[in-house]
Amino acid sequence: MSCALTWLDADVVAVQEVKDEGALAGLGAWKHVMDSCPDDGRGHLALLWNDDRVDVVARYDEPRVNPLGGCAGRLRPGLSAHVRARRGGLDLSIVDVHLDSGREARDRRHRRDGVLALGAVVAGLVLRTNDPDVVVLGDFNAMGADSPRISAAEELAGMDDDVQGSLERIEGPSCSEYYRKEGSLLDLVYATPSMRGALEVDGFCRSLGCAPYRSEPAAYRSLSDHCPLVLDLPAPR
C-alpha cells in the first residue's frame, strides 16, 4: 500500500473492500477515514489523503447509497468528505461508493437504487458545504444481469441516464479490473457539471492495454484485481 501511494503521488485516494484497517496505518503523511459499518468481515470504504497537501474539513456516511439503509444487508453506505488543498487550489466534496456485486436481478436492482440516490446525496453535500463541486467515484459493479438479461454496457448506459441532471460521467479507460484474464469496466467517476477533469487507468490495466493476459500480473496477486483510476483536476484560475 505504501509503495502504491508513493507511486500514484495523488492528494486523495478512495479505496473499497478494506478488511484490515491496520493496512492503512503507518503510511507517513497519509491519514484516513472509514465508513462506520461494523467489523463483521465485510469490505469497508476508506478515503486516504496526504496531510501535507490536503485538509479534510468534514466527513459523512451517506446511508441512502445502500438501498437497504446504512450498513444493512452487509452492503455499504457511501462515504463522503469535503477536502481542501492546503496551499490554494481545489476544494470539493468526494463520495466513495461500492455498490452491490452480482448478476442476479436483486443485485442489479440494489445498484440502480444506489445510483438513483446519488442525486439526493449530491444535493445534500452542496447544501452542507455551500460548494457545487462534487466527485462521486468507486466500484459501481456495472456487470449486467442474467434475468432479465442485460449486458454490462446496457447497465452502464442506464447508470449514466439515472444520474443525468446532477452528475456527468468523466470518460476514461475501457477497463478497470480483471476477471478470468479479461478486463472490464466496473470503476467509474462521476462529477457535477462544474467539474472538468482528465481520467486514465494506471497499473497493470494500463500496461496490458486492457487486453487479455497470459501470465497473472504480480499486482493482481498481491494488491488488487482492480487497477487505480487517476483523476487529474485542474486547479482553478
C-alpha atoms as a PDB file:
ATOM      1  CA  MET A   1       0.000   0.000   0.000  1.00  0.00           C
ATOM      2  CA  SER A   2       2.795   2.421   0.884  1.00  0.00           C
ATOM      3  CA  CYS A   3       4.519   1.699  -2.435  1.00  0.00           C
ATOM      4  CA  ALA A   4       1.294   2.203  -4.389  1.00  0.00           C
ATOM      5  CA  LEU A   5       0.559   5.537  -2.694  1.00  0.00           C
ATOM      6  CA  THR A   6       4.087   6.802  -3.369  1.00  0.00           C
ATOM      7  CA  TRP A   7       3.904   5.682  -6.992  1.00  0.00           C
ATOM      8  CA  LEU A   8       0.490   7.272  -7.635  1.00  0.00           C
ATOM      9  CA  ASP A   9       1.537  10.553  -5.948  1.00  0.00           C
ATOM     10  CA  ALA A  10      -2.107  11.571  -5.506  1.00  0.00           C
ATOM     11  CA  ASP A  11      -3.555  14.048  -2.992  1.00  0.00           C
ATOM     12  CA  VAL A  12      -6.597  11.893  -2.141  1.00  0.00           C
ATOM     13  CA  VAL A  13      -7.212   8.171  -2.709  1.00  0.00           C
ATOM     14  CA  ALA A  14     -10.586   6.410  -2.432  1.00  0.00           C
ATOM     15  CA  VAL A  15     -10.426   2.677  -1.757  1.00  0.00           C
ATOM     16  CA  GLN A  16     -13.007  -0.081  -1.368  1.00  0.00           C
ATOM     17  CA  GLU A  17     -13.082  -3.546   0.225  1.00  0.00           C
ATOM     18  CA  VAL A  18     -10.749  -2.708   3.120  1.00  0.00           C
ATOM     19  CA  LYS A  19     -10.920  -5.640   5.538  1.00  0.00           C
ATOM     20  CA  ASP A  20      -7.956  -4.725   7.752  1.00  0.00           C
ATOM     21  CA  GLU A  21      -7.695  -1.097   8.863  1.00  0.00           C
ATOM     22  CA  GLY A  22      -4.154  -1.860  10.016  1.00  0.00           C
ATOM     23  CA  ALA A  23      -3.137  -1.893   6.346  1.00  0.00           C
ATOM     24  CA  LEU A  24      -3.809   1.865   6.309  1.00  0.00           C
ATOM     25  CA  ALA A  25      -1.677   2.649   9.363  1.00  0.00           C
ATOM     26  CA  GLY A  26       1.932   3.802   9.409  1.00  0.00           C
ATOM     27  CA  LEU A  27       1.829   5.473   5.992  1.00  0.00           C
ATOM     28  CA  GLY A  28       3.714   8.631   6.883  1.00  0.00           C
ATOM     29  CA  ALA A  29       1.816  11.802   5.956  1.00  0.00           C
ATOM     30  CA  TRP A  30      -1.255   9.818   4.922  1.00  0.00           C
ATOM     31  CA  LYS A  31      -4.356   9.936   7.102  1.00  0.00           C
ATOM     32  CA  HIS A  32      -7.642   8.134   6.544  1.00  0.00           C
ATOM     33  CA  VAL A  33     -11.298   7.827   7.470  1.00  0.00           C
ATOM     34  CA  MET A  34     -13.501   4.762   7.037  1.00  0.00           C
ATOM     35  CA  ASP A  35     -17.216   4.121   6.918  1.00  0.00           C
ATOM     36  CA  SER A  36     -18.899   3.433  10.247  1.00  0.00           C
ATOM     37  CA  CYS A  37     -20.157  -0.091   9.428  1.00  0.00           C
ATOM     38  CA  PRO A  38     -19.338  -2.890  11.900  1.00  0.00           C
ATOM     39  CA  ASP A  39     -16.233  -5.045  11.517  1.00  0.00           C
ATOM     40  CA  ASP A  40     -18.116  -8.215  10.582  1.00  0.00           C
ATOM     41  CA  GLY A  41     -15.912  -9.383   7.722  1.00  0.00           C
ATOM     42  CA  ARG A  42     -17.354  -7.033   5.106  1.00  0.00           C
ATOM     43  CA  GLY A  43     -15.129  -4.803   2.994  1.00  0.00           C
ATOM     44  CA  HIS A  44     -15.120  -1.169   4.116  1.00  0.00           C
ATOM     45  CA  LEU A  45     -14.818   2.097   2.251  1.00  0.00           C
ATOM     46  CA  ALA A  46     -11.931   4.407   3.082  1.00  0.00           C
ATOM     47  CA  LEU A  47     -10.660   7.783   1.984  1.00  0.00           C
ATOM     48  CA  LEU A  48      -6.949   8.499   2.369  1.00  0.00           C
ATOM     49  CA  TRP A  49      -5.360  11.907   1.992  1.00  0.00           C
ATOM     50  CA  ASN A  50      -1.870  13.332   2.052  1.00  0.00           C
ATOM     51  CA  ASP A  51      -2.000  15.577   5.116  1.00  0.00           C
ATOM     52  CA  ASP A  52       0.894  17.675   3.826  1.00  0.00           C
ATOM     53  CA  ARG A  53      -1.240  18.736   0.864  1.00  0.00           C
ATOM     54  CA  VAL A  54      -4.920  18.452   1.788  1.00  0.00           C
ATOM     55  CA  ASP A  55      -7.246  19.214   4.707  1.00  0.00           C
ATOM     56  CA  VAL A  56     -10.373  17.134   5.302  1.00  0.00           C
ATOM     57  CA  VAL A  57     -12.819  19.547   6.898  1.00  0.00           C
ATOM     58  CA  ALA A  58     -15.837  17.220   7.186  1.00  0.00           C
ATOM     59  CA  ARG A  59     -16.753  13.583   6.631  1.00  0.00           C
ATOM     60  CA  TYR A  60     -20.131  11.850   6.436  1.00  0.00           C
ATOM     61  CA  ASP A  61     -21.648   8.431   5.945  1.00  0.00           C
ATOM     62  CA  GLU A  62     -24.202   8.527   3.114  1.00  0.00           C
ATOM     63  CA  PRO A  63     -26.772   5.869   4.130  1.00  0.00           C
ATOM     64  CA  ARG A  64     -29.019   6.359   1.069  1.00  0.00           C
ATOM     65  CA  VAL A  65     -26.389   4.836  -1.236  1.00  0.00           C
ATOM     66  CA  ASN A  66     -27.317   1.469   0.330  1.00  0.00           C
ATOM     67  CA  PRO A  67     -30.939   0.871  -0.746  1.00  0.00           C
ATOM     68  CA  LEU A  68     -31.423  -1.264   2.384  1.00  0.00           C
ATOM     69  CA  GLY A  69     -30.245   1.649   4.510  1.00  0.00           C
ATOM     70  CA  GLY A  70     -26.852   2.417   6.057  1.00  0.00           C
ATOM     71  CA  CYS A  71     -24.945  -0.799   6.750  1.00  0.00           C
ATOM     72  CA  ALA A  72     -27.907  -3.186   6.362  1.00  0.00           C
ATOM     73  CA  GLY A  73     -27.623  -6.400   4.393  1.00  0.00           C
ATOM     74  CA  ARG A  74     -23.815  -6.334   4.604  1.00  0.00           C
ATOM     75  CA  LEU A  75     -23.892  -3.633   1.935  1.00  0.00           C
ATOM     76  CA  ARG A  76     -22.259  -0.249   2.346  1.00  0.00           C
ATOM     77  CA  PRO A  77     -23.341   3.364   2.632  1.00  0.00           C
ATOM     78  CA  GLY A  78     -21.400   5.944   0.706  1.00  0.00           C
ATOM     79  CA  LEU A  79     -18.504   7.698   2.413  1.00  0.00           C
ATOM     80  CA  SER A  80     -18.099  11.400   1.697  1.00  0.00           C
ATOM     81  CA  ALA A  81     -15.665  14.105   2.730  1.00  0.00           C
ATOM     82  CA  HIS A  82     -15.072  17.752   1.933  1.00  0.00           C
ATOM     83  CA  VAL A  83     -11.417  18.297   1.082  1.00  0.00           C
ATOM     84  CA  ARG A  84      -9.438  21.476   0.616  1.00  0.00           C
ATOM     85  CA  ALA A  85      -5.946  21.973  -0.757  1.00  0.00           C
ATOM     86  CA  ARG A  86      -3.653  23.471   1.892  1.00  0.00           C
ATOM     87  CA  ARG A  87      -1.917  25.858  -0.493  1.00  0.00           C
ATOM     88  CA  GLY A  88      -4.842  27.130  -2.507  1.00  0.00           C
ATOM     89  CA  GLY A  89      -6.359  25.407  -5.483  1.00  0.00           C
ATOM     90  CA  LEU A  90      -9.225  22.967  -5.356  1.00  0.00           C
ATOM     91  CA  ASP A  91     -11.782  22.366  -2.690  1.00  0.00           C
ATOM     92  CA  LEU A  92     -14.529  19.841  -3.357  1.00  0.00           C
ATOM     93  CA  SER A  93     -16.631  17.047  -1.913  1.00  0.00           C
ATOM     94  CA  ILE A  94     -15.739  13.425  -2.688  1.00  0.00           C
ATOM     95  CA  VAL A  95     -18.154  10.493  -2.404  1.00  0.00           C
ATOM     96  CA  ASP A  96     -16.662   6.991  -2.302  1.00  0.00           C
ATOM     97  CA  VAL A  97     -19.091   4.180  -3.248  1.00  0.00           C
ATOM     98  CA  HIS A  98     -19.070   0.399  -3.576  1.00  0.00           C
ATOM     99  CA  LEU A  99     -22.343  -0.921  -4.992  1.00  0.00           C
ATOM    100  CA  ASP A 100     -23.684  -4.465  -4.753  1.00  0.00           C
ATOM    101  CA  SER A 101     -21.891  -7.116  -6.790  1.00  0.00           C
ATOM    102  CA  GLY A 102     -23.545  -9.923  -8.701  1.00  0.00           C
ATOM    103  CA  ARG A 103     -25.665 -10.708 -11.757  1.00  0.00           C
ATOM    104  CA  GLU A 104     -28.945 -11.561 -10.026  1.00  0.00           C
ATOM    105  CA  ALA A 105     -31.933  -9.287 -10.584  1.00  0.00           C
ATOM    106  CA  ARG A 106     -31.764  -8.266  -6.903  1.00  0.00           C
ATOM    107  CA  ASP A 107     -28.102  -7.238  -7.229  1.00  0.00           C
ATOM    108  CA  ARG A 108     -28.796  -5.066 -10.229  1.00  0.00           C
ATOM    109  CA  ARG A 109     -31.844  -3.531  -8.503  1.00  0.00           C
ATOM    110  CA  HIS A 110     -29.675  -2.650  -5.488  1.00  0.00           C
ATOM    111  CA  ARG A 111     -27.149  -0.988  -7.793  1.00  0.00           C
ATOM    112  CA  ARG A 112     -29.787   1.011  -9.631  1.00  0.00           C
ATOM    113  CA  ASP A 113     -31.416   2.179  -6.400  1.00  0.00           C
ATOM    114  CA  GLY A 114     -27.989   3.246  -5.123  1.00  0.00           C
ATOM    115  CA  VAL A 115     -27.295   5.213  -8.288  1.00  0.00           C
ATOM    116  CA  LEU A 116     -30.742   6.831  -8.178  1.00  0.00           C
ATOM    117  CA  ALA A 117     -29.969   8.016  -4.627  1.00  0.00           C
ATOM    118  CA  LEU A 118     -26.861   9.897  -5.763  1.00  0.00           C
ATOM    119  CA  GLY A 119     -28.809  12.969  -6.862  1.00  0.00           C
ATOM    120  CA  ALA A 120     -30.077  13.486  -3.298  1.00  0.00           C
ATOM    121  CA  VAL A 121     -26.618  12.735  -1.851  1.00  0.00           C
ATOM    122  CA  VAL A 122     -25.011  15.348  -4.098  1.00  0.00           C
ATOM    123  CA  ALA A 123     -27.709  17.926  -3.328  1.00  0.00           C
ATOM    124  CA  GLY A 124     -27.207  17.348   0.392  1.00  0.00           C
ATOM    125  CA  LEU A 125     -23.444  17.839   0.127  1.00  0.00           C
ATOM    126  CA  VAL A 126     -23.832  21.039  -1.896  1.00  0.00           C
ATOM    127  CA  LEU A 127     -26.222  22.360   0.761  1.00  0.00           C
ATOM    128  CA  ARG A 128     -23.937  21.386   3.687  1.00  0.00           C
ATOM    129  CA  THR A 129     -20.746  22.751   2.161  1.00  0.00           C
ATOM    130  CA  ASN A 130     -22.098  25.609   0.009  1.00  0.00           C
ATOM    131  CA  ASP A 131     -19.833  24.232  -2.734  1.00  0.00           C
ATOM    132  CA  PRO A 132     -21.177  22.936  -6.072  1.00  0.00           C
ATOM    133  CA  ASP A 133     -18.083  20.806  -6.787  1.00  0.00           C
ATOM    134  CA  VAL A 134     -18.705  17.093  -6.096  1.00  0.00           C
ATOM    135  CA  VAL A 135     -16.970  13.988  -7.439  1.00  0.00           C
ATOM    136  CA  VAL A 136     -18.535  10.522  -6.968  1.00  0.00           C
ATOM    137  CA  LEU A 137     -16.214   7.606  -7.614  1.00  0.00           C
ATOM    138  CA  GLY A 138     -15.653   3.968  -6.765  1.00  0.00           C
ATOM    139  CA  ASP A 139     -16.738   0.458  -7.673  1.00  0.00           C
ATOM    140  CA  PHE A 140     -20.151   0.655  -9.347  1.00  0.00           C
ATOM    141  CA  ASN A 141     -20.081  -3.046 -10.317  1.00  0.00           C
ATOM    142  CA  ALA A 142     -21.871  -2.394 -13.630  1.00  0.00           C
ATOM    143  CA  MET A 143     -21.629  -6.036 -14.733  1.00  0.00           C
ATOM    144  CA  GLY A 144     -25.103  -6.559 -16.128  1.00  0.00           C
ATOM    145  CA  ALA A 145     -27.616  -9.221 -15.074  1.00  0.00           C
ATOM    146  CA  ASP A 146     -28.785 -12.663 -16.165  1.00  0.00           C
ATOM    147  CA  SER A 147     -32.513 -12.376 -15.559  1.00  0.00           C
ATOM    148  CA  PRO A 148     -33.807 -10.281 -17.137  1.00  0.00           C
ATOM    149  CA  ARG A 149     -30.708 -10.376 -19.329  1.00  0.00           C
ATOM    150  CA  ILE A 150     -28.885  -7.084 -19.577  1.00  0.00           C
ATOM    151  CA  SER A 151     -25.325  -6.503 -20.713  1.00  0.00           C
ATOM    152  CA  ALA A 152     -22.695  -4.587 -18.768  1.00  0.00           C
ATOM    153  CA  ALA A 153     -22.751  -1.872 -21.446  1.00  0.00           C
ATOM    154  CA  GLU A 154     -26.534  -1.523 -21.138  1.00  0.00           C
ATOM    155  CA  GLU A 155     -26.339  -1.253 -17.367  1.00  0.00           C
ATOM    156  CA  LEU A 156     -23.604   1.369 -17.624  1.00  0.00           C
ATOM    157  CA  ALA A 157     -25.687   3.412 -20.080  1.00  0.00           C
ATOM    158  CA  GLY A 158     -28.611   3.149 -17.667  1.00  0.00           C
ATOM    159  CA  MET A 159     -26.460   4.485 -14.819  1.00  0.00           C
ATOM    160  CA  ASP A 160     -25.491   7.473 -16.963  1.00  0.00           C
ATOM    161  CA  ASP A 161     -29.174   8.153 -17.652  1.00  0.00           C
ATOM    162  CA  ASP A 162     -30.168   7.767 -13.996  1.00  0.00           C
ATOM    163  CA  VAL A 163     -27.785  10.484 -12.764  1.00  0.00           C
ATOM    164  CA  GLN A 164     -28.472  12.873 -15.638  1.00  0.00           C
ATOM    165  CA  GLY A 165     -29.164  16.363 -14.385  1.00  0.00           C
ATOM    166  CA  SER A 166     -26.999  16.082 -11.272  1.00  0.00           C
ATOM    167  CA  LEU A 167     -23.860  14.240 -12.415  1.00  0.00           C
ATOM    168  CA  GLU A 168     -21.929  13.517 -15.598  1.00  0.00           C
ATOM    169  CA  ARG A 169     -19.578  10.569 -16.090  1.00  0.00           C
ATOM    170  CA  ILE A 170     -15.995  11.525 -16.811  1.00  0.00           C
ATOM    171  CA  GLU A 171     -14.995   9.376 -19.778  1.00  0.00           C
ATOM    172  CA  GLY A 172     -11.869   7.333 -19.325  1.00  0.00           C
ATOM    173  CA  PRO A 173     -10.473   3.846 -19.864  1.00  0.00           C
ATOM    174  CA  SER A 174     -12.195   0.777 -21.268  1.00  0.00           C
ATOM    175  CA  CYS A 175     -11.344  -1.399 -18.257  1.00  0.00           C
ATOM    176  CA  SER A 176     -10.534  -1.056 -14.566  1.00  0.00           C
ATOM    177  CA  GLU A 177     -10.337  -4.660 -13.313  1.00  0.00           C
ATOM    178  CA  TYR A 178      -9.620  -8.185 -14.499  1.00  0.00           C
ATOM    179  CA  TYR A 179     -11.671 -11.329 -14.011  1.00  0.00           C
ATOM    180  CA  ARG A 180     -10.704 -14.663 -15.596  1.00  0.00           C
ATOM    181  CA  LYS A 181      -7.952 -12.873 -17.527  1.00  0.00           C
ATOM    182  CA  GLU A 182     -10.390 -10.448 -19.173  1.00  0.00           C
ATOM    183  CA  GLY A 183     -10.651  -6.743 -18.452  1.00  0.00           C
ATOM    184  CA  SER A 184     -13.935  -4.980 -17.670  1.00  0.00           C
ATOM    185  CA  LEU A 185     -15.038  -1.530 -16.541  1.00  0.00           C
ATOM    186  CA  LEU A 186     -16.502  -1.594 -13.030  1.00  0.00           C
ATOM    187  CA  ASP A 187     -14.935   1.527 -11.518  1.00  0.00           C
ATOM    188  CA  LEU A 188     -16.388   4.873 -12.573  1.00  0.00           C
ATOM    189  CA  VAL A 189     -16.040   8.576 -11.863  1.00  0.00           C
ATOM    190  CA  TYR A 190     -18.979  10.990 -11.987  1.00  0.00           C
ATOM    191  CA  ALA A 191     -18.842  14.708 -11.272  1.00  0.00           C
ATOM    192  CA  THR A 192     -21.132  17.696 -11.043  1.00  0.00           C
ATOM    193  CA  PRO A 193     -21.238  19.845 -14.207  1.00  0.00           C
ATOM    194  CA  SER A 194     -18.974  22.413 -12.514  1.00  0.00           C
ATOM    195  CA  MET A 195     -16.085  19.913 -12.555  1.00  0.00           C
ATOM    196  CA  ARG A 196     -13.923  19.002 -15.518  1.00  0.00           C
ATOM    197  CA  GLY A 197     -11.024  16.579 -15.383  1.00  0.00           C
ATOM    198  CA  ALA A 198      -8.915  14.019 -17.225  1.00  0.00           C
ATOM    199  CA  LEU A 199      -9.280  10.346 -16.272  1.00  0.00           C
ATOM    200  CA  GLU A 200      -6.946   7.472 -17.064  1.00  0.00           C
ATOM    201  CA  VAL A 201      -6.223   3.980 -15.783  1.00  0.00           C
ATOM    202  CA  ASP A 202      -2.850   3.032 -14.351  1.00  0.00           C
ATOM    203  CA  GLY A 203      -1.205  -0.158 -13.104  1.00  0.00           C
ATOM    204  CA  PHE A 204      -1.432  -3.450 -14.951  1.00  0.00           C
ATOM    205  CA  CYS A 205      -4.610  -2.408 -16.822  1.00  0.00           C
ATOM    206  CA  ARG A 206      -2.591   0.328 -18.473  1.00  0.00           C
ATOM    207  CA  SER A 207       0.402  -1.943 -19.091  1.00  0.00           C
ATOM    208  CA  LEU A 208      -1.804  -4.560 -20.721  1.00  0.00           C
ATOM    209  CA  GLY A 209      -3.876  -2.039 -22.631  1.00  0.00           C
ATOM    210  CA  CYS A 210      -6.969  -3.813 -21.238  1.00  0.00           C
ATOM    211  CA  ALA A 211      -6.151  -6.848 -23.423  1.00  0.00           C
ATOM    212  CA  PRO A 212      -6.313 -10.415 -22.019  1.00  0.00           C
ATOM    213  CA  TYR A 213      -3.164 -11.506 -20.181  1.00  0.00           C
ATOM    214  CA  ARG A 214      -1.248 -14.753 -20.370  1.00  0.00           C
ATOM    215  CA  SER A 215       0.588 -14.617 -17.045  1.00  0.00           C
ATOM    216  CA  GLU A 216      -1.017 -13.144 -13.937  1.00  0.00           C
ATOM    217  CA  PRO A 217       0.393  -9.706 -13.047  1.00  0.00           C
ATOM    218  CA  ALA A 218       2.150  -9.502  -9.674  1.00  0.00           C
ATOM    219  CA  ALA A 219      -0.016  -6.563  -8.574  1.00  0.00           C
ATOM    220  CA  TYR A 220      -3.135  -8.644  -9.310  1.00  0.00           C
ATOM    221  CA  ARG A 221      -1.940 -11.310  -6.874  1.00  0.00           C
ATOM    222  CA  SER A 222      -0.622  -9.125  -4.064  1.00  0.00           C
ATOM    223  CA  LEU A 223      -2.559  -5.839  -4.199  1.00  0.00           C
ATOM    224  CA  SER A 224      -5.903  -5.939  -6.027  1.00  0.00           C
ATOM    225  CA  ASP A 225      -7.723  -7.296  -9.066  1.00  0.00           C
ATOM    226  CA  HIS A 226      -8.742  -3.680  -9.716  1.00  0.00           C
ATOM    227  CA  CYS A 227      -6.469  -1.037 -11.211  1.00  0.00           C
ATOM    228  CA  PRO A 228      -6.196   2.545  -9.967  1.00  0.00           C
ATOM    229  CA  LEU A 229      -8.135   5.184 -11.851  1.00  0.00           C
ATOM    230  CA  VAL A 230      -6.334   8.525 -11.757  1.00  0.00           C
ATOM    231  CA  LEU A 231      -8.424  11.705 -11.975  1.00  0.00           C
ATOM    232  CA  ASP A 232      -6.499  14.885 -12.705  1.00  0.00           C
ATOM    233  CA  LEU A 233      -8.455  18.020 -11.818  1.00  0.00           C
ATOM    234  CA  PRO A 234      -7.063  21.355 -12.987  1.00  0.00           C
ATOM    235  CA  ALA A 235      -6.567  23.994 -10.288  1.00  0.00           C
ATOM    236  CA  PRO A 236      -8.936  26.971 -10.606  1.00  0.00           C
ATOM    237  CA  ARG A 237      -7.513  30.062 -12.247  1.00  0.00           C
END
